[in-house]
Protein backbone atom coordinates (compact mmCIF):
# COMPACT_ATOMS: atom_id res chain seq x y z
CA MET A 1 3.11 5.28 -2.61
CA GLN A 2 4.38 8.41 0.12
CA ARG A 3 7.94 9.24 -0.35
CA ARG A 4 8.28 8.61 3.53
CA SER A 5 7.63 5.28 3.23
CA VAL A 6 10.41 4.77 0.06
CA ASP A 7 12.89 6.25 1.99
CA ILE A 8 12.91 3.54 5.43
CA TRP A 9 12.43 1.20 2.61
CA LYS A 10 15.26 1.97 1.49
CA GLU A 11 16.34 2.61 4.82
CA ASN A 12 16.09 -0.91 5.26
CA ILE A 13 17.14 -2.42 2.10
CA LEU A 14 20.44 -0.71 2.52
CA ASP A 15 20.94 -1.17 5.69
CA ASP A 16 20.40 -5.07 5.31
CA LEU A 17 22.23 -6.04 1.44
CA GLU A 18 25.32 -4.52 4.18
CA GLU A 19 25.31 -7.37 6.52
CA GLU A 20 24.39 -9.67 3.89
CA TYR A 21 21.72 -10.59 5.56
CA TRP A 22 19.04 -10.68 2.41
CA LYS A 23 20.49 -11.10 -0.61
CA PHE A 24 19.10 -11.49 -3.79
CA LYS A 25 19.48 -13.70 -6.36
CA LEU A 26 18.29 -12.63 -9.13
CA VAL A 27 17.06 -8.59 -10.23
CA LYS A 28 13.49 -9.85 -11.02
CA GLU A 29 13.39 -11.34 -7.35
CA PHE A 30 13.77 -7.73 -5.70
CA LEU A 31 11.16 -6.19 -8.01
CA VAL A 32 8.98 -8.74 -7.14
CA GLU A 33 9.25 -8.19 -3.68
CA LEU A 34 8.99 -4.26 -5.12
CA LYS A 35 5.77 -4.93 -6.50
CA GLU A 36 4.26 -6.26 -3.37
CA PHE A 37 6.00 -3.68 -1.21
CA GLY A 38 4.27 -1.01 -3.16
CA GLU A 39 0.73 -2.77 -2.96
CA ARG A 40 0.70 -3.32 0.35
CA ASP A 41 0.97 1.16 1.16
CA ASP A 42 -1.63 1.02 -1.97
CA LYS A 43 -4.48 -1.46 0.47
CA SER A 44 -3.20 1.07 3.81
CA ALA A 45 -4.11 4.00 1.38
CA LYS A 46 -6.89 3.06 0.57
CA ILE A 47 -8.43 2.33 4.27
CA VAL A 48 -7.21 5.00 5.40
CA GLU A 49 -9.57 6.71 2.45
CA LEU A 50 -12.37 4.71 4.39
CA LYS A 51 -12.14 5.59 7.79
CA MET A 52 -12.37 9.29 7.03
CA MET A 53 -14.72 8.91 3.94
CA LYS A 54 -17.65 11.58 4.37
CA GLN A 55 -21.41 11.48 1.91
CA GLY A 56 -20.64 14.50 1.85
CA SER A 57 -23.12 16.76 -1.24
CA ARG A 58 -23.36 13.31 -2.43
CA THR A 59 -26.40 10.17 -2.83
CA MET A 60 -26.75 7.49 -0.24
CA GLU A 61 -26.62 5.18 -2.88
CA GLU A 62 -23.26 7.87 -4.91
CA PHE A 63 -22.02 7.40 -1.37
CA VAL A 64 -22.29 4.21 -1.50
CA GLN A 65 -21.46 2.44 -4.28
CA GLU A 66 -17.85 4.78 -3.71
CA PHE A 67 -17.78 2.74 -0.65
CA LYS A 68 -17.64 -0.71 -2.29
CA ARG A 69 -15.50 0.25 -4.15
CA THR A 70 -12.79 1.25 -1.95
CA ILE A 71 -13.55 -1.37 1.07
CA ARG A 72 -12.71 -3.56 -2.56
CA GLU A 73 -9.35 -2.13 -3.40
CA SER A 74 -9.05 -1.94 0.21
CA GLU A 75 -8.67 -5.75 0.42
CA TYR A 76 -9.77 -4.92 4.19
CA LYS A 77 -11.13 -7.37 5.92
CA ARG A 78 -12.85 -7.28 9.51
């Protein structure tokens, strides 16, 4: 997770809590939300990685396998 994303998320959570917009009844609910946020950020990073991929000195087979792995991890949909 990127530091800037964490800071923005933290500010939003604190604002929502102060306004009583978003209350967690259990710590578990908060932790589930936190985990989902991290997963969304990871998927976004993988999509960016896909867009920046280059074959470089790898064989075509190596490149294709790396590309397929990155697509799978990103859960990218057309």
